[in-house]
C-alpha atoms as a PDB file:
ATOM      1  CA  UNK A   1      -0.227   0.102  -0.259  1.00  0.00           C
ATOM      2  CA  UNK A   2       1.536   3.208  -1.004  1.00  0.00           C
ATOM      3  CA  UNK A   3       1.198   6.368   1.580  1.00  0.00           C
ATOM      4  CA  UNK A   4      -1.632   8.109  -0.163  1.00  0.00           C
ATOM      5  CA  UNK A   5      -3.931   4.892  -0.071  1.00  0.00           C
ATOM      6  CA  UNK A   6      -3.101   4.553   3.055  1.00  0.00           C
ATOM      7  CA  UNK A   7      -3.759   7.889   4.418  1.00  0.00           C
ATOM      8  CA  UNK A   8      -7.529   8.037   2.151  1.00  0.00           C
ATOM      9  CA  UNK A   9      -8.289   4.438   3.759  1.00  0.00           C
ATOM     10  CA  UNK A  10      -7.246   5.836   7.421  1.00  0.00           C
ATOM     11  CA  UNK A  11      -9.995   8.637   6.620  1.00  0.00           C
ATOM     12  CA  UNK A  12     -12.831   6.254   6.426  1.00  0.00           C
ATOM     13  CA  UNK A  13     -12.100   5.206  10.097  1.00  0.00           C
ATOM     14  CA  UNK A  14     -12.359   8.870  11.407  1.00  0.00           C
ATOM     15  CA  UNK A  15     -15.613  10.419  12.485  1.00  0.00           C
ATOM     16  CA  UNK A  16     -16.598  13.257   9.919  1.00  0.00           C
ATOM     17  CA  UNK A  17     -15.137  16.955  11.155  1.00  0.00           C
ATOM     18  CA  UNK A  18     -16.840  18.698  14.008  1.00  0.00           C
ATOM     19  CA  UNK A  19     -16.736  22.223  14.887  1.00  0.00           C
ATOM     20  CA  UNK A  20     -15.809  23.197  18.846  1.00  0.00           C
ATOM     21  CA  UNK A  21     -18.610  24.536  20.692  1.00  0.00           C
ATOM     22  CA  UNK A  22     -16.195  26.271  23.147  1.00  0.00           C
ATOM     23  CA  UNK A  23     -12.707  28.002  22.673  1.00  0.00           C
ATOM     24  CA  UNK A  24     -10.882  29.905  25.592  1.00  0.00           C
ATOM     25  CA  UNK A  25      -8.205  31.314  26.701  1.00  0.00           C
ATOM     26  CA  UNK A  26      -7.236  30.054  30.633  1.00  0.00           C
ATOM     27  CA  UNK A  27      -4.555  32.105  32.514  1.00  0.00           C
ATOM     28  CA  UNK A  28      -2.650  29.882  34.650  1.00  0.00           C
ATOM     29  CA  UNK A  29      -1.344  33.043  36.620  1.00  0.00           C
ATOM     30  CA  UNK A  30       2.884  32.332  36.008  1.00  0.00           C
ATOM     31  CA  UNK A  31       2.866  33.951  32.760  1.00  0.00           C
ATOM     32  CA  UNK A  32       1.094  31.338  30.679  1.00  0.00           C
ATOM     33  CA  UNK A  33      -2.460  31.346  29.359  1.00  0.00           C
ATOM     34  CA  UNK A  34      -3.190  27.948  27.722  1.00  0.00           C
ATOM     35  CA  UNK A  35      -6.061  27.763  24.795  1.00  0.00           C
ATOM     36  CA  UNK A  36      -8.411  25.446  25.453  1.00  0.00           C
ATOM     37  CA  UNK A  37     -11.100  23.910  23.279  1.00  0.00           C
ATOM     38  CA  UNK A  38     -14.323  21.616  23.687  1.00  0.00           C
ATOM     39  CA  UNK A  39     -16.362  19.623  21.378  1.00  0.00           C
ATOM     40  CA  UNK A  40     -18.788  16.733  20.708  1.00  0.00           C
ATOM     41  CA  UNK A  41     -21.723  16.403  23.244  1.00  0.00           C
ATOM     42  CA  UNK A  42     -21.973  19.278  25.771  1.00  0.00           C
ATOM     43  CA  UNK A  43     -23.112  16.799  28.355  1.00  0.00           C
ATOM     44  CA  UNK A  44     -21.133  13.769  26.939  1.00  0.00           C
ATOM     45  CA  UNK A  45     -18.242  11.291  28.818  1.00  0.00           C
ATOM     46  CA  UNK A  46     -15.288  13.527  29.114  1.00  0.00           C
ATOM     47  CA  UNK A  47     -12.125  13.007  27.084  1.00  0.00           C
ATOM     48  CA  UNK A  48      -9.003  15.113  27.743  1.00  0.00           C
ATOM     49  CA  UNK A  49      -6.563  14.563  24.063  1.00  0.00           C
ATOM     50  CA  UNK A  50      -2.697  15.048  24.955  1.00  0.00           C
ATOM     51  CA  UNK A  51      -0.989  16.107  22.160  1.00  0.00           C
ATOM     52  CA  UNK A  52       2.676  14.717  21.209  1.00  0.00           C
ATOM     53  CA  UNK A  53       5.848  16.454  21.249  1.00  0.00           C
ATOM     54  CA  UNK A  54       6.430  18.144  23.526  1.00  0.00           C
ATOM     55  CA  UNK A  55       5.593  20.944  21.472  1.00  0.00           C
ATOM     56  CA  UNK A  56       3.378  19.501  19.108  1.00  0.00           C
ATOM     57  CA  UNK A  57       0.253  21.605  19.770  1.00  0.00           C
ATOM     58  CA  UNK A  58      -3.180  20.395  18.751  1.00  0.00           C
ATOM     59  CA  UNK A  59      -4.888  19.895  15.747  1.00  0.00           C
ATOM     60  CA  UNK A  60      -8.535  19.782  14.411  1.00  0.00           C
ATOM     61  CA  UNK A  61      -7.778  16.333  13.166  1.00  0.00           C
ATOM     62  CA  UNK A  62      -7.276  15.194  16.679  1.00  0.00           C
ATOM     63  CA  UNK A  63     -11.346  15.772  17.277  1.00  0.00           C
ATOM     64  CA  UNK A  64     -12.197  12.695  14.713  1.00  0.00           C
ATOM     65  CA  UNK A  65     -11.630   9.854  17.141  1.00  0.00           C
ATOM     66  CA  UNK A  66     -14.284  10.389  18.819  1.00  0.00           C
ATOM     67  CA  UNK A  67     -18.016   9.885  18.714  1.00  0.00           C
ATOM     68  CA  UNK A  68     -19.257  13.568  18.786  1.00  0.00           C
ATOM     69  CA  UNK A  69     -22.830  12.289  20.069  1.00  0.00           C
ATOM     70  CA  UNK A  70     -21.321  10.788  22.873  1.00  0.00           C
ATOM     71  CA  UNK A  71     -18.241  12.039  23.987  1.00  0.00           C
ATOM     72  CA  UNK A  72     -17.529  15.753  25.433  1.00  0.00           C
ATOM     73  CA  UNK A  73     -13.654  16.081  23.763  1.00  0.00           C
ATOM     74  CA  UNK A  74     -11.290  18.667  25.645  1.00  0.00           C
ATOM     75  CA  UNK A  75      -8.057  20.001  23.635  1.00  0.00           C
ATOM     76  CA  UNK A  76      -5.431  22.288  24.908  1.00  0.00           C
ATOM     77  CA  UNK A  77      -2.179  23.465  23.299  1.00  0.00           C
ATOM     78  CA  UNK A  78       0.316  22.585  26.102  1.00  0.00           C
ATOM     79  CA  UNK A  79       2.503  25.643  27.395  1.00  0.00           C
ATOM     80  CA  UNK A  80       4.469  27.130  24.362  1.00  0.00           C
ATOM     81  CA  UNK A  81       3.114  25.804  21.579  1.00  0.00           C
ATOM     82  CA  UNK A  82       0.031  26.173  19.610  1.00  0.00           C
ATOM     83  CA  UNK A  83      -2.291  28.882  20.463  1.00  0.00           C
ATOM     84  CA  UNK A  84      -1.105  29.274  23.910  1.00  0.00           C
ATOM     85  CA  UNK A  85       1.360  31.943  24.848  1.00  0.00           C
ATOM     86  CA  UNK A  86       3.968  32.898  24.950  1.00  0.00           C
ATOM     87  CA  UNK A  87       4.679  31.000  22.375  1.00  0.00           C
ATOM     88  CA  UNK A  88       8.219  28.830  22.263  1.00  0.00           C
ATOM     89  CA  UNK A  89       8.690  29.818  25.997  1.00  0.00           C
ATOM     90  CA  UNK A  90      10.400  27.083  28.515  1.00  0.00           C
ATOM     91  CA  UNK A  91      10.191  29.560  31.386  1.00  0.00           C
ATOM     92  CA  UNK A  92       8.017  27.719  34.001  1.00  0.00           C
ATOM     93  CA  UNK A  93       7.744  25.106  31.293  1.00  0.00           C
ATOM     94  CA  UNK A  94       8.171  21.861  33.101  1.00  0.00           C
ATOM     95  CA  UNK A  95       6.115  18.111  33.177  1.00  0.00           C
ATOM     96  CA  UNK A  96       4.626  19.252  36.513  1.00  0.00           C
ATOM     97  CA  UNK A  97       3.239  22.198  35.351  1.00  0.00           C
ATOM     98  CA  UNK A  98       1.500  20.653  32.540  1.00  0.00           C
ATOM     99  CA  UNK A  99       0.019  18.284  34.853  1.00  0.00           C
ATOM    100  CA  UNK A 100      -1.326  21.444  37.008  1.00  0.00           C
ATOM    101  CA  UNK A 101      -2.739  22.731  34.071  1.00  0.00           C
ATOM    102  CA  UNK A 102      -4.757  19.563  33.191  1.00  0.00           C
ATOM    103  CA  UNK A 103      -6.238  20.111  37.120  1.00  0.00           C
ATOM    104  CA  UNK A 104      -7.063  23.865  36.372  1.00  0.00           C
ATOM    105  CA  UNK A 105      -8.447  23.183  33.428  1.00  0.00           C
ATOM    106  CA  UNK A 106     -10.126  20.271  34.911  1.00  0.00           C
ATOM    107  CA  UNK A 107     -11.773  22.310  37.518  1.00  0.00           C
ATOM    108  CA  UNK A 108     -12.373  25.680  35.446  1.00  0.00           C
ATOM    109  CA  UNK A 109     -14.634  22.932  32.782  1.00  0.00           C
ATOM    110  CA  UNK A 110     -16.309  21.514  35.937  1.00  0.00           C
ATOM    111  CA  UNK A 111     -15.500  17.839  35.038  1.00  0.00           C
ATOM    112  CA  UNK A 112     -14.750  15.638  38.073  1.00  0.00           C
ATOM    113  CA  UNK A 113     -13.276  12.792  36.141  1.00  0.00           C
ATOM    114  CA  UNK A 114     -12.232  11.849  32.331  1.00  0.00           C
ATOM    115  CA  UNK A 115     -10.566   9.835  30.018  1.00  0.00           C
ATOM    116  CA  UNK A 116      -7.186  10.261  29.046  1.00  0.00           C
ATOM    117  CA  UNK A 117      -6.503   9.775  25.175  1.00  0.00           C
ATOM    118  CA  UNK A 118      -2.493  10.381  24.438  1.00  0.00           C
ATOM    119  CA  UNK A 119       0.034   9.443  22.119  1.00  0.00           C
ATOM    120  CA  UNK A 120       3.602   9.657  22.257  1.00  0.00           C
ATOM    121  CA  UNK A 121       4.760  12.542  24.501  1.00  0.00           C
ATOM    122  CA  UNK A 122       0.825  12.785  25.259  1.00  0.00           C
ATOM    123  CA  UNK A 123       1.018   8.900  26.478  1.00  0.00           C
ATOM    124  CA  UNK A 124       4.339  10.217  28.971  1.00  0.00           C
ATOM    125  CA  UNK A 125       1.760  13.038  30.712  1.00  0.00           C
ATOM    126  CA  UNK A 126      -1.052  10.712  30.510  1.00  0.00           C
ATOM    127  CA  UNK A 127       0.765   8.416  32.467  1.00  0.00           C
ATOM    128  CA  UNK A 128       2.099  10.966  34.882  1.00  0.00           C
ATOM    129  CA  UNK A 129      -1.223  12.832  35.407  1.00  0.00           C
ATOM    130  CA  UNK A 130      -2.967   9.579  35.867  1.00  0.00           C
ATOM    131  CA  UNK A 131      -0.033   8.277  38.546  1.00  0.00           C
ATOM    132  CA  UNK A 132      -0.478  11.686  40.578  1.00  0.00           C
ATOM    133  CA  UNK A 133      -4.596  12.027  40.165  1.00  0.00           C
ATOM    134  CA  UNK A 134      -5.697   8.521  39.881  1.00  0.00           C
ATOM    135  CA  UNK A 135      -8.911   9.489  41.466  1.00  0.00           C
ATOM    136  CA  UNK A 136      -9.326  11.903  38.525  1.00  0.00           C
ATOM    137  CA  UNK A 137      -8.873   9.112  35.783  1.00  0.00           C
ATOM    138  CA  UNK A 138     -11.598   6.778  34.295  1.00  0.00           C
ATOM    139  CA  UNK A 139      -9.783   5.127  31.449  1.00  0.00           C
ATOM    140  CA  UNK A 140      -6.451   5.320  29.782  1.00  0.00           C
ATOM    141  CA  UNK A 141      -6.400   5.419  25.500  1.00  0.00           C
ATOM    142  CA  UNK A 142      -2.518   5.604  24.905  1.00  0.00           C
ATOM    143  CA  UNK A 143      -0.601   5.471  21.309  1.00  0.00           C
ATOM    144  CA  UNK A 144       3.015   4.855  20.550  1.00  0.00           C
ATOM    145  CA  UNK A 145       4.328   4.574  24.711  1.00  0.00           C
ATOM    146  CA  UNK A 146       7.158   6.609  25.411  1.00  0.00           C
ATOM    147  CA  UNK A 147       8.452   6.469  28.722  1.00  0.00           C
ATOM    148  CA  UNK A 148      10.727   9.021  29.241  1.00  0.00           C
ATOM    149  CA  UNK A 149      13.703   7.370  29.944  1.00  0.00           C
ATOM    150  CA  UNK A 150      17.339   7.185  28.993  1.00  0.00           C
ATOM    151  CA  UNK A 151      17.352   4.407  26.923  1.00  0.00           C
ATOM    152  CA  UNK A 152      14.757   5.962  24.661  1.00  0.00           C
ATOM    153  CA  UNK A 153      16.456   9.110  24.695  1.00  0.00           C
ATOM    154  CA  UNK A 154      20.025   7.433  23.321  1.00  0.00           C
ATOM    155  CA  UNK A 155      17.833   4.850  21.100  1.00  0.00           C
ATOM    156  CA  UNK A 156      16.568   8.157  18.942  1.00  0.00           C
ATOM    157  CA  UNK A 157      19.641  10.666  19.287  1.00  0.00           C
ATOM    158  CA  UNK A 158      22.152   8.348  20.202  1.00  0.00           C
ATOM    159  CA  UNK A 159      22.559   6.299  16.835  1.00  0.00           C
ATOM    160  CA  UNK A 160      19.815   3.314  17.229  1.00  0.00           C
ATOM    161  CA  UNK A 161      17.345   4.514  15.002  1.00  0.00           C
ATOM    162  CA  UNK A 162      19.936   6.231  12.656  1.00  0.00           C
ATOM    163  CA  UNK A 163      21.153   2.449  12.064  1.00  0.00           C
ATOM    164  CA  UNK A 164      17.785   1.709   9.812  1.00  0.00           C
ATOM    165  CA  UNK A 165      18.217   5.479   8.243  1.00  0.00           C
ATOM    166  CA  UNK A 166      21.622   6.018   7.773  1.00  0.00           C
ATOM    167  CA  UNK A 167      20.778   8.645   5.770  1.00  0.00           C
ATOM    168  CA  UNK A 168      18.882  10.745   7.420  1.00  0.00           C
ATOM    169  CA  UNK A 169      20.689   9.919  10.606  1.00  0.00           C
ATOM    170  CA  UNK A 170      23.841  11.970   8.146  1.00  0.00           C
ATOM    171  CA  UNK A 171      21.468  14.675   7.621  1.00  0.00           C
ATOM    172  CA  UNK A 172      20.516  15.318  11.664  1.00  0.00           C
ATOM    173  CA  UNK A 173      24.326  14.851  12.834  1.00  0.00           C
ATOM    174  CA  UNK A 174      26.623  16.564   9.743  1.00  0.00           C
ATOM    175  CA  UNK A 175      25.654  20.024  10.781  1.00  0.00           C
ATOM    176  CA  UNK A 176      26.912  19.426  14.367  1.00  0.00           C
ATOM    177  CA  UNK A 177      30.889  19.401  15.252  1.00  0.00           C
ATOM    178  CA  UNK A 178      32.388  15.859  15.206  1.00  0.00           C
ATOM    179  CA  UNK A 179      33.508  16.579  18.961  1.00  0.00           C
ATOM    180  CA  UNK A 180      30.064  17.290  20.240  1.00  0.00           C
ATOM    181  CA  UNK A 181      28.080  14.537  18.565  1.00  0.00           C
ATOM    182  CA  UNK A 182      28.349  12.214  21.537  1.00  0.00           C
ATOM    183  CA  UNK A 183      25.550  14.437  23.204  1.00  0.00           C
ATOM    184  CA  UNK A 184      23.595  15.673  20.692  1.00  0.00           C
ATOM    185  CA  UNK A 185      20.461  16.398  22.551  1.00  0.00           C
ATOM    186  CA  UNK A 186      22.908  18.804  24.392  1.00  0.00           C
ATOM    187  CA  UNK A 187      24.694  19.869  21.155  1.00  0.00           C
ATOM    188  CA  UNK A 188      21.265  21.113  19.574  1.00  0.00           C
ATOM    189  CA  UNK A 189      20.813  22.630  23.432  1.00  0.00           C
ATOM    190  CA  UNK A 190      22.727  25.224  22.710  1.00  0.00           C
ATOM    191  CA  UNK A 191      22.031  26.097  19.087  1.00  0.00           C
ATOM    192  CA  UNK A 192      18.398  26.094  20.130  1.00  0.00           C
ATOM    193  CA  UNK A 193      18.536  28.666  22.708  1.00  0.00           C
ATOM    194  CA  UNK A 194      21.478  30.628  21.173  1.00  0.00           C
ATOM    195  CA  UNK A 195      19.505  33.994  20.930  1.00  0.00           C
ATOM    196  CA  UNK A 196      20.037  34.243  17.470  1.00  0.00           C
ATOM    197  CA  UNK A 197      16.744  33.402  15.875  1.00  0.00           C
ATOM    198  CA  UNK A 198      17.811  32.768  12.362  1.00  0.00           C
ATOM    199  CA  UNK A 199      20.083  30.069  14.021  1.00  0.00           C
ATOM    200  CA  UNK A 200      17.398  28.704  16.093  1.00  0.00           C
ATOM    201  CA  UNK A 201      14.982  28.216  13.201  1.00  0.00           C
ATOM    202  CA  UNK A 202      17.549  26.669  10.915  1.00  0.00           C
ATOM    203  CA  UNK A 203      18.530  23.712  13.983  1.00  0.00           C
ATOM    204  CA  UNK A 204      14.740  23.767  14.713  1.00  0.00           C
ATOM    205  CA  UNK A 205      13.621  22.329  11.205  1.00  0.00           C
ATOM    206  CA  UNK A 206      16.641  19.943  11.130  1.00  0.00           C
ATOM    207  CA  UNK A 207      15.814  18.696  14.884  1.00  0.00           C
ATOM    208  CA  UNK A 208      11.749  18.421  13.818  1.00  0.00           C
ATOM    209  CA  UNK A 209      12.755  16.935  10.157  1.00  0.00           C
ATOM    210  CA  UNK A 210      14.441  13.791  11.637  1.00  0.00           C
ATOM    211  CA  UNK A 211      11.713  13.243  13.529  1.00  0.00           C
ATOM    212  CA  UNK A 212       8.846  13.964  11.078  1.00  0.00           C
ATOM    213  CA  UNK A 213      10.965  11.551   8.372  1.00  0.00           C
ATOM    214  CA  UNK A 214      10.730   8.710  10.949  1.00  0.00           C
ATOM    215  CA  UNK A 215       7.258   8.850  12.063  1.00  0.00           C
ATOM    216  CA  UNK A 216       5.393   6.655   9.357  1.00  0.00           C
ATOM    217  CA  UNK A 217       6.269   3.484   8.353  1.00  0.00           C
ATOM    218  CA  UNK A 218       5.130   4.657   4.734  1.00  0.00           C
ATOM    219  CA  UNK A 219       8.067   6.991   4.113  1.00  0.00           C
ATOM    220  CA  UNK A 220       9.126   7.749   0.567  1.00  0.00           C
ATOM    221  CA  UNK A 221      11.941   9.664   1.061  1.00  0.00           C
ATOM    222  CA  UNK A 222      10.489  13.395   0.762  1.00  0.00           C
ATOM    223  CA  UNK A 223      10.368  15.290   4.223  1.00  0.00           C
ATOM    224  CA  UNK A 224       8.441  18.397   3.729  1.00  0.00           C
ATOM    225  CA  UNK A 225       9.489  21.334   5.545  1.00  0.00           C
ATOM    226  CA  UNK A 226       7.625  22.666   8.594  1.00  0.00           C
ATOM    227  CA  UNK A 227       6.874  26.232   8.926  1.00  0.00           C
ATOM    228  CA  UNK A 228       9.998  27.877  10.722  1.00  0.00           C
ATOM    229  CA  UNK A 229       7.733  29.100  13.292  1.00  0.00           C
ATOM    230  CA  UNK A 230       6.442  26.058  14.222  1.00  0.00           C
ATOM    231  CA  UNK A 231       9.594  23.902  13.602  1.00  0.00           C
ATOM    232  CA  UNK A 232      11.359  26.342  16.181  1.00  0.00           C
ATOM    233  CA  UNK A 233       8.944  26.244  19.172  1.00  0.00           C
ATOM    234  CA  UNK A 234       8.595  22.353  18.796  1.00  0.00           C
ATOM    235  CA  UNK A 235      12.136  21.515  18.694  1.00  0.00           C
ATOM    236  CA  UNK A 236      12.659  24.014  21.496  1.00  0.00           C
ATOM    237  CA  UNK A 237      10.371  22.854  23.858  1.00  0.00           C
ATOM    238  CA  UNK A 238      10.900  19.239  22.836  1.00  0.00           C
ATOM    239  CA  UNK A 239      14.806  19.166  23.753  1.00  0.00           C
ATOM    240  CA  UNK A 240      14.246  21.678  26.766  1.00  0.00           C
ATOM    241  CA  UNK A 241      12.565  18.676  28.030  1.00  0.00           C
ATOM    242  CA  UNK A 242      14.754  15.890  27.128  1.00  0.00           C
ATOM    243  CA  UNK A 243      17.695  17.932  28.298  1.00  0.00           C
ATOM    244  CA  UNK A 244      15.864  17.643  32.036  1.00  0.00           C
ATOM    245  CA  UNK A 245      14.909  14.045  31.278  1.00  0.00           C
ATOM    246  CA  UNK A 246      11.167  14.910  31.874  1.00  0.00           C
ATOM    247  CA  UNK A 247      11.819  16.564  34.913  1.00  0.00           C
ATOM    248  CA  UNK A 248      10.877  13.230  36.337  1.00  0.00           C
ATOM    249  CA  UNK A 249      12.786  12.293  39.953  1.00  0.00           C
ATOM    250  CA  UNK A 250      14.649   9.368  38.384  1.00  0.00           C
ATOM    251  CA  UNK A 251      15.089   7.346  35.453  1.00  0.00           C
ATOM    252  CA  UNK A 252      12.389   4.945  34.740  1.00  0.00           C
ATOM    253  CA  UNK A 253       9.898   6.369  37.283  1.00  0.00           C
ATOM    254  CA  UNK A 254       6.625   5.829  35.078  1.00  0.00           C
ATOM    255  CA  UNK A 255       7.489   1.733  35.981  1.00  0.00           C
ATOM    256  CA  UNK A 256       8.677   2.291  39.454  1.00  0.00           C
ATOM    257  CA  UNK A 257       5.021   4.139  39.842  1.00  0.00           C
ATOM    258  CA  UNK A 258       3.078   2.261  37.970  1.00  0.00           C
ATOM    259  CA  UNK A 259       1.236   0.792  40.996  1.00  0.00           C
ATOM    260  CA  UNK A 260      -0.640   3.630  41.398  1.00  0.00           C
ATOM    261  CA  UNK A 261      -2.749   3.248  38.312  1.00  0.00           C
ATOM    262  CA  UNK A 262      -2.775  -0.531  38.370  1.00  0.00           C
ATOM    263  CA  UNK A 263      -6.639  -0.528  38.618  1.00  0.00           C
ATOM    264  CA  UNK A 264      -7.653   1.950  36.114  1.00  0.00           C
ATOM    265  CA  UNK A 265      -8.013   0.548  32.626  1.00  0.00           C
ATOM    266  CA  UNK A 266      -6.069   0.970  29.698  1.00  0.00           C
ATOM    267  CA  UNK A 267      -5.337   0.314  26.172  1.00  0.00           C
ATOM    268  CA  UNK A 268      -2.428   0.608  24.077  1.00  0.00           C
ATOM    269  CA  UNK A 269      -2.411   1.410  20.232  1.00  0.00           C
ATOM    270  CA  UNK A 270       1.289   0.420  19.309  1.00  0.00           C
ATOM    271  CA  UNK A 271       2.864   0.430  15.661  1.00  0.00           C
ATOM    272  CA  UNK A 272       5.179  -2.757  15.105  1.00  0.00           C
ATOM    273  CA  UNK A 273       7.778  -0.824  13.625  1.00  0.00           C
ATOM    274  CA  UNK A 274       7.681   2.046  15.567  1.00  0.00           C
ATOM    275  CA  UNK A 275      11.041   4.138  14.930  1.00  0.00           C
ATOM    276  CA  UNK A 276      10.477   6.739  17.202  1.00  0.00           C
ATOM    277  CA  UNK A 277       8.909   4.818  20.512  1.00  0.00           C
ATOM    278  CA  UNK A 278       9.966   1.266  20.277  1.00  0.00           C
ATOM    279  CA  UNK A 279       7.413  -1.047  21.355  1.00  0.00           C
ATOM    280  CA  UNK A 280       9.807  -2.476  24.280  1.00  0.00           C
ATOM    281  CA  UNK A 281       8.226   0.209  26.221  1.00  0.00           C
ATOM    282  CA  UNK A 282       4.477  -0.407  25.362  1.00  0.00           C
ATOM    283  CA  UNK A 283       5.495  -3.973  26.244  1.00  0.00           C
ATOM    284  CA  UNK A 284       6.882  -3.284  29.236  1.00  0.00           C
ATOM    285  CA  UNK A 285       4.203  -0.729  30.387  1.00  0.00           C
ATOM    286  CA  UNK A 286       1.481  -3.427  29.984  1.00  0.00           C
ATOM    287  CA  UNK A 287       3.318  -6.079  31.841  1.00  0.00           C
ATOM    288  CA  UNK A 288       2.117  -7.019  35.335  1.00  0.00           C
ATOM    289  CA  UNK A 289      -1.100  -4.588  34.454  1.00  0.00           C
ATOM    290  CA  UNK A 290      -3.943  -6.952  34.732  1.00  0.00           C
ATOM    291  CA  UNK A 291      -6.421  -4.218  33.012  1.00  0.00           C
ATOM    292  CA  UNK A 292      -4.131  -3.278  30.507  1.00  0.00           C
ATOM    293  CA  UNK A 293      -4.239  -4.729  26.827  1.00  0.00           C
ATOM    294  CA  UNK A 294      -1.586  -3.979  24.344  1.00  0.00           C
ATOM    295  CA  UNK A 295      -2.935  -4.167  21.176  1.00  0.00           C
ATOM    296  CA  UNK A 296       0.167  -4.223  18.134  1.00  0.00           C
ATOM    297  CA  UNK A 297      -0.775  -2.906  14.830  1.00  0.00           C
ATOM    298  CA  UNK A 298       1.648  -4.724  12.262  1.00  0.00           C
ATOM    299  CA  UNK A 299       2.646  -2.918   9.342  1.00  0.00           C
ATOM    300  CA  UNK A 300       2.289   0.604  11.525  1.00  0.00           C
ATOM    301  CA  UNK A 301       4.912   3.255  12.825  1.00  0.00           C
ATOM    302  CA  UNK A 302       4.722   6.078  15.178  1.00  0.00           C
ATOM    303  CA  UNK A 303       2.201   8.675  13.464  1.00  0.00           C
ATOM    304  CA  UNK A 304      -1.239   8.904  14.734  1.00  0.00           C
ATOM    305  CA  UNK A 305      -2.553   9.067  11.142  1.00  0.00           C
ATOM    306  CA  UNK A 306      -1.444   5.628   9.962  1.00  0.00           C
ATOM    307  CA  UNK A 307      -4.536   3.631   8.758  1.00  0.00           C
ATOM    308  CA  UNK A 308      -3.415   0.508  11.305  1.00  0.00           C
ATOM    309  CA  UNK A 309      -3.421   3.209  14.512  1.00  0.00           C
ATOM    310  CA  UNK A 310      -6.102   5.408  13.156  1.00  0.00           C
ATOM    311  CA  UNK A 311      -8.220   2.440  12.606  1.00  0.00           C
ATOM    312  CA  UNK A 312      -7.651   1.070  16.451  1.00  0.00           C
ATOM    313  CA  UNK A 313      -7.808   3.929  17.851  1.00  0.00           C
ATOM    314  CA  UNK A 314     -11.064   4.971  16.765  1.00  0.00           C
ATOM    315  CA  UNK A 315     -12.092   0.869  17.941  1.00  0.00           C
ATOM    316  CA  UNK A 316     -10.932   1.545  21.367  1.00  0.00           C
ATOM    317  CA  UNK A 317     -12.816   4.566  21.536  1.00  0.00           C
ATOM    318  CA  UNK A 318     -15.875   3.129  20.288  1.00  0.00           C
ATOM    319  CA  UNK A 319     -15.519   0.287  22.697  1.00  0.00           C
ATOM    320  CA  UNK A 320     -15.977   2.623  25.447  1.00  0.00           C
ATOM    321  CA  UNK A 321     -18.942   3.601  25.228  1.00  0.00           C
ATOM    322  CA  UNK A 322     -21.897   2.648  26.839  1.00  0.00           C
END
């Protein structure tokens, strides 16, 4: 199946486009204003959508995984990205700030408990929030699990994924002097936060292109350039979080604290050929979690838009309806 036919099939699984019934900015009181929107059924089952990155932002396509006659879908752009302000800012921007933002959003919207729907970094944030606020979560629907461990970062920024895409790995590493390539996250951090807008934008695009090219199993050799403003914000935020190991207390923190959520039902949709977040993390997360079901999708990579991933996620959300 070629990429275009795969994308066409993926659309068939999704619900028709729906418009939000509520859009607002919520002031977090520390210099950040967060964009929040709601769509679907006003009195429906609440589900919170957590986008990836960090720094990816939400898109209208993310509304289409939910039956609008059943679900009250809440989406928000995390700090520094999308329509939230200030743009590309890393000040007061940590995992724990985002967890508190979710609590403020939940209370502002008058929601008691909700389903968490997140992929990649969104899955990380969903797990961290659920571990710290398990009484506010009814279930989790996760995709492309990322546990924010050193091993995962080493895989993607230390040459593991590069062994499968040596041509793209060369594009990512060549702009960095050889004596800095032992720590590419730190090397890119220096350039993404240099204070020189042109340099930050240039290296932001290179950083973003490396990830974008590996997102789909249908990669055909062409990498579309991300808009400069988006690429800079995405790359700065993602690098900021990775440079600080996700601001978690220890390596492997999520698995160490998993006991706090083992009573919650969860489903993981994982691409068998996910090069960004390899399936080993999803497998480890599902182990010893009686209420967690791992669905491995064959011939699928990391992207939310992969046909098999889209179909599986719609099926998961349909199965949670009354």
